[in-house]
Amino acid sequence: MRFIRPSLCILPAILLSIPTAASGQVAIFVDGFETGDARNWFTVIACEVVADCAVGDVCAAGFCVAEGSVGVGGQCSANRDCATSLYCSPSGGICLPAGSGLEDDHCSSGDQCTEDLVCELYGLGGTCEAAGAGDLGDGCTASSDCIAGLACGPLGTCDRSIDAYPPFPGVACAGDAAPFKAFFQVPRPGQPIPDFFRLPFPNDARASTSTAPSISRTFPARA
């Protein structure tokens, strides 16, 4: 068991300060009581799935909490972890204000639907739809199989969206040397180009000559 003294005594805020790699029981010090008071300490149980938690609790970002108890900015796994009118943001894994979109209303992201719905995307848009029933660790073939806020990960299980599909961290690009020029650099064996777009895309420069389709055409002989 590890002892942690956070600066805030509200559980959702505490969840922001606990490393998600923690396991087992973690004792949390709560300010506001006299030094030495037994009430200064309570335990938070680490978890991977809901079955690791007591009846009535859910597994939110690796720790057991009461369902619907995580406030704005607190770490979450699914929408049901968050307080009323909040949803679990897939990009940050934290509870944020949900939208007002009802079932079949148009949407482009989950924050436009009520917390019990998900935004099912198709083409350039989507609609707010009922979520599935798959909980953390349950098998799935699509995110629609999972409860609101979870995503069907690459291994075919319902996971935290931010864990299943982490946000792209970006890349560091080297500065351009003078004078200005338009790049059209073709990668050579042992000489990779500094960044992908120095070879304008799309093009066939990377196509293998052994697999490239033939564009020759046979014409009938003239009589």
Protein backbone atom coordinates (compact mmCIF):
# COMPACT_ATOMS: atom_id res chain seq x y z
CA MET A 1 0.00 0.00 0.00
CA ARG A 2 1.28 3.46 -0.90
CA PHE A 3 0.44 6.73 0.89
CA ILE A 4 -0.24 9.87 -1.12
CA ARG A 5 -1.09 13.37 0.08
CA PRO A 6 -2.72 15.37 -2.73
CA SER A 7 -3.39 19.07 -2.55
CA LEU A 8 -7.14 18.63 -3.05
CA CYS A 9 -9.50 16.49 -1.02
CA ILE A 10 -12.24 15.91 -3.59
CA LEU A 11 -12.04 12.40 -5.06
CA PRO A 12 -12.28 13.38 -8.76
CA ALA A 13 -9.38 15.77 -8.26
CA ILE A 14 -7.45 13.10 -6.37
CA LEU A 15 -7.72 10.85 -9.41
CA LEU A 16 -5.77 13.45 -11.35
CA SER A 17 -2.81 13.08 -8.98
CA ILE A 18 -2.54 9.28 -8.78
CA PRO A 19 -0.24 7.57 -11.30
CA THR A 20 -2.28 5.19 -13.44
CA ALA A 21 0.47 2.55 -13.13
CA ALA A 22 -0.35 2.10 -9.44
CA SER A 23 -1.66 -1.31 -8.40
CA GLY A 24 -3.34 -2.72 -5.31
CA GLN A 25 -4.60 -0.41 -2.58
CA VAL A 26 -3.53 3.22 -2.44
CA ALA A 27 -4.08 5.22 0.76
CA ILE A 28 -5.11 8.85 0.22
CA PHE A 29 -4.63 11.61 2.81
CA VAL A 30 -7.54 14.05 2.98
CA ASP A 31 -6.87 17.53 4.37
CA GLY A 32 -9.40 19.06 6.70
CA PHE A 33 -9.10 16.74 9.72
CA GLU A 34 -6.85 16.95 12.75
CA THR A 35 -3.37 15.41 12.43
CA GLY A 36 -3.47 11.78 13.47
CA ASP A 37 -7.24 11.48 12.99
CA ALA A 38 -8.00 8.08 11.47
CA ARG A 39 -10.40 9.83 9.13
CA ASN A 40 -7.42 11.44 7.40
CA TRP A 41 -6.94 8.30 5.32
CA PHE A 42 -9.06 6.27 2.96
CA THR A 43 -8.15 3.74 0.30
CA VAL A 44 -8.63 3.73 -3.45
CA ILE A 45 -8.54 0.32 -5.11
CA ALA A 46 -6.63 -0.03 -8.37
CA CYS A 47 -8.48 -1.93 -11.12
CA GLU A 48 -8.42 -3.02 -14.73
CA VAL A 49 -12.07 -4.09 -15.12
CA VAL A 50 -15.28 -3.43 -13.18
CA ALA A 51 -15.11 -6.91 -11.62
CA ASP A 52 -12.08 -5.71 -9.63
CA CYS A 53 -14.28 -3.21 -7.79
CA ALA A 54 -16.96 -3.49 -5.10
CA VAL A 55 -20.59 -3.78 -6.10
CA GLY A 56 -21.86 -0.35 -7.20
CA ASP A 57 -18.40 0.95 -8.10
CA VAL A 58 -16.88 1.26 -11.57
CA CYS A 59 -13.31 1.18 -12.85
CA ALA A 60 -12.44 4.75 -13.88
CA ALA A 61 -8.96 5.32 -15.34
CA GLY A 62 -7.53 2.44 -13.30
CA PHE A 63 -9.22 3.13 -9.95
CA CYS A 64 -12.51 2.05 -8.38
CA VAL A 65 -14.95 4.91 -7.79
CA ALA A 66 -18.68 5.27 -7.30
CA GLU A 67 -20.51 5.42 -10.63
CA GLY A 68 -21.20 9.01 -11.67
CA SER A 69 -18.86 10.52 -9.07
CA VAL A 70 -16.08 11.98 -11.24
CA GLY A 71 -16.36 15.73 -11.82
CA VAL A 72 -15.12 18.04 -14.57
CA GLY A 73 -11.43 17.42 -15.28
CA GLY A 74 -11.31 14.10 -13.41
CA GLN A 75 -9.91 11.04 -15.14
CA CYS A 76 -12.42 8.58 -16.55
CA SER A 77 -12.79 5.51 -18.71
CA ALA A 78 -16.43 5.71 -19.80
CA ASN A 79 -19.26 8.25 -19.70
CA ARG A 80 -20.92 6.48 -16.77
CA ASP A 81 -17.92 7.38 -14.57
CA CYS A 82 -18.71 11.10 -14.89
CA ALA A 83 -21.24 13.19 -13.00
CA THR A 84 -24.57 14.14 -14.57
CA SER A 85 -24.35 16.01 -17.91
CA LEU A 86 -20.67 15.10 -18.37
CA TYR A 87 -19.04 12.65 -20.77
CA CYS A 88 -15.60 11.04 -20.96
CA SER A 89 -13.58 12.87 -23.60
CA PRO A 90 -11.84 10.37 -25.92
CA SER A 91 -8.96 12.76 -26.60
CA GLY A 92 -8.08 13.50 -22.98
CA GLY A 93 -9.66 10.73 -20.91
CA ILE A 94 -11.27 13.31 -18.62
CA CYS A 95 -14.85 14.28 -17.83
CA LEU A 96 -16.11 17.28 -19.79
CA PRO A 97 -19.57 18.82 -20.42
CA ALA A 98 -21.72 16.66 -22.70
CA GLY A 99 -23.94 17.98 -25.47
CA SER A 100 -27.71 18.04 -25.84
CA GLY A 101 -28.11 15.91 -28.96
CA LEU A 102 -30.80 13.25 -28.70
CA GLU A 103 -31.00 9.95 -30.55
CA ASP A 104 -30.87 10.42 -34.35
CA ASP A 105 -29.77 14.06 -34.01
CA HIS A 106 -26.84 15.04 -36.25
CA CYS A 107 -23.37 15.20 -34.70
CA SER A 108 -19.70 15.29 -35.62
CA SER A 109 -18.20 14.34 -32.23
CA GLY A 110 -19.25 12.78 -28.94
CA ASP A 111 -19.46 16.10 -27.10
CA GLN A 112 -22.56 17.00 -29.11
CA CYS A 113 -24.68 14.10 -27.76
CA THR A 114 -26.13 13.54 -24.29
CA GLU A 115 -23.93 11.49 -21.99
CA ASP A 116 -25.80 8.22 -22.56
CA LEU A 117 -25.40 8.36 -26.36
CA VAL A 118 -22.46 8.11 -28.76
CA CYS A 119 -21.82 9.88 -32.06
CA GLU A 120 -21.80 7.23 -34.81
CA LEU A 121 -19.82 8.75 -37.68
CA TYR A 122 -20.38 8.01 -41.36
CA GLY A 123 -18.93 9.96 -44.27
CA LEU A 124 -18.53 13.60 -43.21
CA GLY A 125 -21.09 13.50 -40.42
CA GLY A 126 -22.91 11.27 -37.97
CA THR A 127 -25.88 10.84 -35.67
CA CYS A 128 -26.30 10.39 -31.93
CA GLU A 129 -27.07 6.71 -31.30
CA ALA A 130 -27.54 4.34 -28.38
CA ALA A 131 -24.30 2.75 -27.17
CA GLY A 132 -23.57 -0.95 -26.82
CA ALA A 133 -23.29 -3.03 -23.65
CA GLY A 134 -19.61 -4.07 -23.73
CA ASP A 135 -17.69 -3.04 -20.61
CA LEU A 136 -13.95 -2.67 -20.03
CA GLY A 137 -12.16 -5.77 -21.30
CA ASP A 138 -15.21 -7.24 -23.06
CA GLY A 139 -14.80 -8.50 -26.62
CA CYS A 140 -15.97 -6.30 -29.50
CA THR A 141 -15.83 -5.92 -33.26
CA ALA A 142 -16.75 -2.21 -33.38
CA SER A 143 -16.94 0.67 -30.89
CA SER A 144 -20.74 0.49 -31.15
CA ASP A 145 -20.48 -2.79 -29.18
CA CYS A 146 -19.09 -0.91 -26.15
CA ILE A 147 -20.73 1.30 -23.54
CA ALA A 148 -20.62 5.04 -24.17
CA GLY A 149 -17.09 6.42 -23.83
CA LEU A 150 -15.22 3.17 -24.55
CA ALA A 151 -13.71 2.23 -27.91
CA CYS A 152 -13.10 -1.12 -29.54
CA GLY A 153 -9.31 -1.35 -29.53
CA PRO A 154 -6.94 -3.05 -31.97
CA LEU A 155 -7.01 -6.27 -29.91
CA GLY A 156 -10.80 -6.53 -30.14
CA THR A 157 -11.65 -5.47 -26.59
CA CYS A 158 -13.50 -2.46 -25.19
CA ASP A 159 -10.91 -0.05 -23.76
CA ARG A 160 -10.54 3.59 -22.73
CA SER A 161 -10.61 5.54 -25.99
CA ILE A 162 -7.39 7.37 -25.13
CA ASP A 163 -5.64 4.03 -24.50
CA ALA A 164 -7.06 2.23 -27.54
CA TYR A 165 -6.20 5.08 -29.91
CA PRO A 166 -3.72 7.52 -28.33
CA PRO A 167 -3.68 11.01 -29.88
CA PHE A 168 -0.97 11.55 -32.50
CA PRO A 169 1.89 13.34 -30.68
CA GLY A 170 3.13 15.10 -33.82
CA VAL A 171 6.63 15.26 -35.22
CA ALA A 172 9.55 17.67 -34.98
CA CYS A 173 10.39 19.13 -38.39
CA ALA A 174 13.83 20.49 -39.23
CA GLY A 175 14.05 24.11 -40.27
CA ASP A 176 14.23 24.92 -43.99
CA ALA A 177 17.56 26.09 -45.27
CA ALA A 178 17.76 29.13 -47.54
CA PRO A 179 17.13 29.76 -50.36
CA PHE A 180 13.46 28.79 -50.57
CA LYS A 181 12.70 25.87 -52.88
CA ALA A 182 9.90 23.44 -53.62
CA PHE A 183 10.84 19.92 -52.56
CA PHE A 184 10.56 16.85 -54.73
CA GLN A 185 12.98 14.50 -53.05
CA VAL A 186 12.78 10.81 -53.90
CA PRO A 187 13.97 8.46 -51.12
CA ARG A 188 17.01 6.37 -52.05
CA PRO A 189 18.35 3.18 -50.43
CA GLY A 190 20.15 4.22 -47.24
CA GLN A 191 19.16 7.88 -47.78
CA PRO A 192 15.69 8.44 -46.31
CA ILE A 193 14.14 11.86 -46.79
CA PRO A 194 13.80 14.01 -43.64
CA ASP A 195 10.00 14.05 -43.72
CA PHE A 196 7.27 12.28 -45.69
CA PHE A 197 6.01 15.31 -47.56
CA ARG A 198 9.34 16.20 -49.16
CA LEU A 199 8.06 13.81 -51.79
CA PRO A 200 4.72 15.34 -52.85
CA PHE A 201 1.80 12.99 -52.30
CA PRO A 202 0.18 11.17 -54.06
CA ASN A 203 2.65 9.87 -56.62
CA ASP A 204 4.07 6.57 -57.84
CA ALA A 205 7.72 7.15 -56.86
CA ARG A 206 7.43 4.60 -54.05
CA ALA A 207 5.68 2.00 -56.21
CA SER A 208 7.60 -1.20 -56.87
CA THR A 209 8.29 -1.86 -60.54
CA SER A 210 7.68 -5.56 -59.91
CA THR A 211 4.13 -4.98 -58.71
CA ALA A 212 3.15 -1.85 -60.65
CA PRO A 213 0.31 -2.45 -63.12
CA SER A 214 1.18 -2.37 -66.78
CA ILE A 215 -0.12 0.58 -68.77
CA SER A 216 0.86 -0.86 -72.17
CA ARG A 217 -1.86 -1.50 -74.68
CA THR A 218 -1.86 -3.86 -77.60
CA PHE A 219 -3.42 -2.48 -80.76
CA PRO A 220 -4.70 -4.73 -83.57
CA ALA A 221 -2.52 -4.88 -86.66
CA ARG A 222 -3.65 -2.73 -89.51
CA ALA A 223 -4.92 -4.57 -92.51
